[in-house]
């Protein structure tokens, strides 16, 4: 099982990624080991996740979500930024 997720960062920015272990990946982001962006922006919480069947599906969906504007992400994924 794979996941596509969106994180809310301290500066109120959004980060989109994919993984096969959501909790482990989020902890890596929170601890500054998940990637350059979240190391600088500090991941706060997971505000969206969806399960997909394969790595290929996860990567395709991640690319799709990353292509959207912030407003489109909030509307399309019904994100709550609190």
C-alpha atoms as a PDB file:
ATOM      1  CA  UNK A   1       0.000   0.000   0.000  1.00  0.00           C
ATOM      2  CA  UNK A   2       1.272   3.462  -0.936  1.00  0.00           C
ATOM      3  CA  UNK A   3       0.185   6.900   0.186  1.00  0.00           C
ATOM      4  CA  UNK A   4       0.139  10.383  -1.294  1.00  0.00           C
ATOM      5  CA  UNK A   5       0.153  13.069   1.371  1.00  0.00           C
ATOM      6  CA  UNK A   6       0.137  16.805   1.939  1.00  0.00           C
ATOM      7  CA  UNK A   7       1.885  18.367   4.917  1.00  0.00           C
ATOM      8  CA  UNK A   8       1.287  21.746   6.469  1.00  0.00           C
ATOM      9  CA  UNK A   9       4.562  23.500   7.326  1.00  0.00           C
ATOM     10  CA  UNK A  10       5.288  26.132   9.995  1.00  0.00           C
ATOM     11  CA  UNK A  11       5.218  28.947   7.440  1.00  0.00           C
ATOM     12  CA  UNK A  12       1.750  27.773   6.298  1.00  0.00           C
ATOM     13  CA  UNK A  13       3.153  26.344   3.050  1.00  0.00           C
ATOM     14  CA  UNK A  14       2.122  22.938   1.708  1.00  0.00           C
ATOM     15  CA  UNK A  15       4.378  20.001   0.877  1.00  0.00           C
ATOM     16  CA  UNK A  16       3.212  17.038  -1.226  1.00  0.00           C
ATOM     17  CA  UNK A  17       4.913  13.660  -1.250  1.00  0.00           C
ATOM     18  CA  UNK A  18       4.415   9.901  -1.497  1.00  0.00           C
ATOM     19  CA  UNK A  19       5.562   6.961   0.594  1.00  0.00           C
ATOM     20  CA  UNK A  20       4.809   3.378   1.550  1.00  0.00           C
ATOM     21  CA  UNK A  21       5.068   4.187   5.301  1.00  0.00           C
ATOM     22  CA  UNK A  22       3.214   7.395   6.128  1.00  0.00           C
ATOM     23  CA  UNK A  23       4.006   7.602   9.842  1.00  0.00           C
ATOM     24  CA  UNK A  24       7.712   6.908   9.359  1.00  0.00           C
ATOM     25  CA  UNK A  25       7.966   9.432   6.530  1.00  0.00           C
ATOM     26  CA  UNK A  26       6.157  12.135   8.521  1.00  0.00           C
ATOM     27  CA  UNK A  27       8.496  11.607  11.473  1.00  0.00           C
ATOM     28  CA  UNK A  28      11.451  11.942   9.107  1.00  0.00           C
ATOM     29  CA  UNK A  29      10.031  15.242   7.827  1.00  0.00           C
ATOM     30  CA  UNK A  30       9.375  16.470  11.374  1.00  0.00           C
ATOM     31  CA  UNK A  31      12.913  15.588  12.423  1.00  0.00           C
ATOM     32  CA  UNK A  32      14.502  17.433   9.487  1.00  0.00           C
ATOM     33  CA  UNK A  33      15.470  14.265   7.623  1.00  0.00           C
ATOM     34  CA  UNK A  34      12.601  14.064   5.120  1.00  0.00           C
ATOM     35  CA  UNK A  35      13.897  16.394   2.468  1.00  0.00           C
ATOM     36  CA  UNK A  36      15.388  19.812   1.867  1.00  0.00           C
ATOM     37  CA  UNK A  37      12.036  21.640   1.703  1.00  0.00           C
ATOM     38  CA  UNK A  38      10.634  20.304   4.971  1.00  0.00           C
ATOM     39  CA  UNK A  39      13.994  20.628   6.679  1.00  0.00           C
ATOM     40  CA  UNK A  40      13.845  24.373   6.005  1.00  0.00           C
ATOM     41  CA  UNK A  41      10.079  24.876   6.394  1.00  0.00           C
ATOM     42  CA  UNK A  42       9.446  22.515   9.363  1.00  0.00           C
ATOM     43  CA  UNK A  43       6.592  20.067   8.827  1.00  0.00           C
ATOM     44  CA  UNK A  44       3.791  20.524  11.375  1.00  0.00           C
ATOM     45  CA  UNK A  45       1.123  17.970  10.492  1.00  0.00           C
ATOM     46  CA  UNK A  46      -0.364  15.758   7.828  1.00  0.00           C
ATOM     47  CA  UNK A  47      -3.431  17.530   6.481  1.00  0.00           C
ATOM     48  CA  UNK A  48      -4.263  15.088   3.689  1.00  0.00           C
ATOM     49  CA  UNK A  49      -3.469  11.521   2.714  1.00  0.00           C
ATOM     50  CA  UNK A  50      -4.886   9.000   0.307  1.00  0.00           C
ATOM     51  CA  UNK A  51      -4.118   5.331  -0.244  1.00  0.00           C
ATOM     52  CA  UNK A  52      -3.171   4.056  -3.669  1.00  0.00           C
ATOM     53  CA  UNK A  53      -2.319   0.567  -4.849  1.00  0.00           C
ATOM     54  CA  UNK A  54       1.184   1.003  -6.212  1.00  0.00           C
ATOM     55  CA  UNK A  55       4.266   3.177  -6.237  1.00  0.00           C
ATOM     56  CA  UNK A  56       3.515   4.096  -9.844  1.00  0.00           C
ATOM     57  CA  UNK A  57       0.014   5.333  -8.931  1.00  0.00           C
ATOM     58  CA  UNK A  58       1.425   7.262  -5.969  1.00  0.00           C
ATOM     59  CA  UNK A  59       4.033   9.037  -8.083  1.00  0.00           C
ATOM     60  CA  UNK A  60       1.489   9.920 -10.783  1.00  0.00           C
ATOM     61  CA  UNK A  61      -0.935  11.313  -8.213  1.00  0.00           C
ATOM     62  CA  UNK A  62       1.874  13.224  -6.461  1.00  0.00           C
ATOM     63  CA  UNK A  63       2.838  14.859  -9.755  1.00  0.00           C
ATOM     64  CA  UNK A  64      -0.798  15.735 -10.427  1.00  0.00           C
ATOM     65  CA  UNK A  65      -1.266  17.373  -7.021  1.00  0.00           C
ATOM     66  CA  UNK A  66       2.064  19.224  -7.277  1.00  0.00           C
ATOM     67  CA  UNK A  67       0.931  20.722 -10.582  1.00  0.00           C
ATOM     68  CA  UNK A  68      -2.013  22.443  -8.863  1.00  0.00           C
ATOM     69  CA  UNK A  69      -1.900  25.912  -7.348  1.00  0.00           C
ATOM     70  CA  UNK A  70      -2.272  26.272  -3.585  1.00  0.00           C
ATOM     71  CA  UNK A  71      -5.915  27.324  -4.072  1.00  0.00           C
ATOM     72  CA  UNK A  72      -6.615  24.278  -6.243  1.00  0.00           C
ATOM     73  CA  UNK A  73      -5.052  21.980  -3.624  1.00  0.00           C
ATOM     74  CA  UNK A  74      -7.224  23.482  -0.886  1.00  0.00           C
ATOM     75  CA  UNK A  75     -10.382  23.218  -3.002  1.00  0.00           C
ATOM     76  CA  UNK A  76      -9.767  19.864  -4.703  1.00  0.00           C
ATOM     77  CA  UNK A  77      -8.555  18.062  -1.574  1.00  0.00           C
ATOM     78  CA  UNK A  78     -10.871  19.945   0.827  1.00  0.00           C
ATOM     79  CA  UNK A  79      -7.908  20.887   2.999  1.00  0.00           C
ATOM     80  CA  UNK A  80      -8.416  22.525   6.371  1.00  0.00           C
ATOM     81  CA  UNK A  81      -5.429  24.704   7.292  1.00  0.00           C
ATOM     82  CA  UNK A  82      -5.769  25.138  11.054  1.00  0.00           C
END
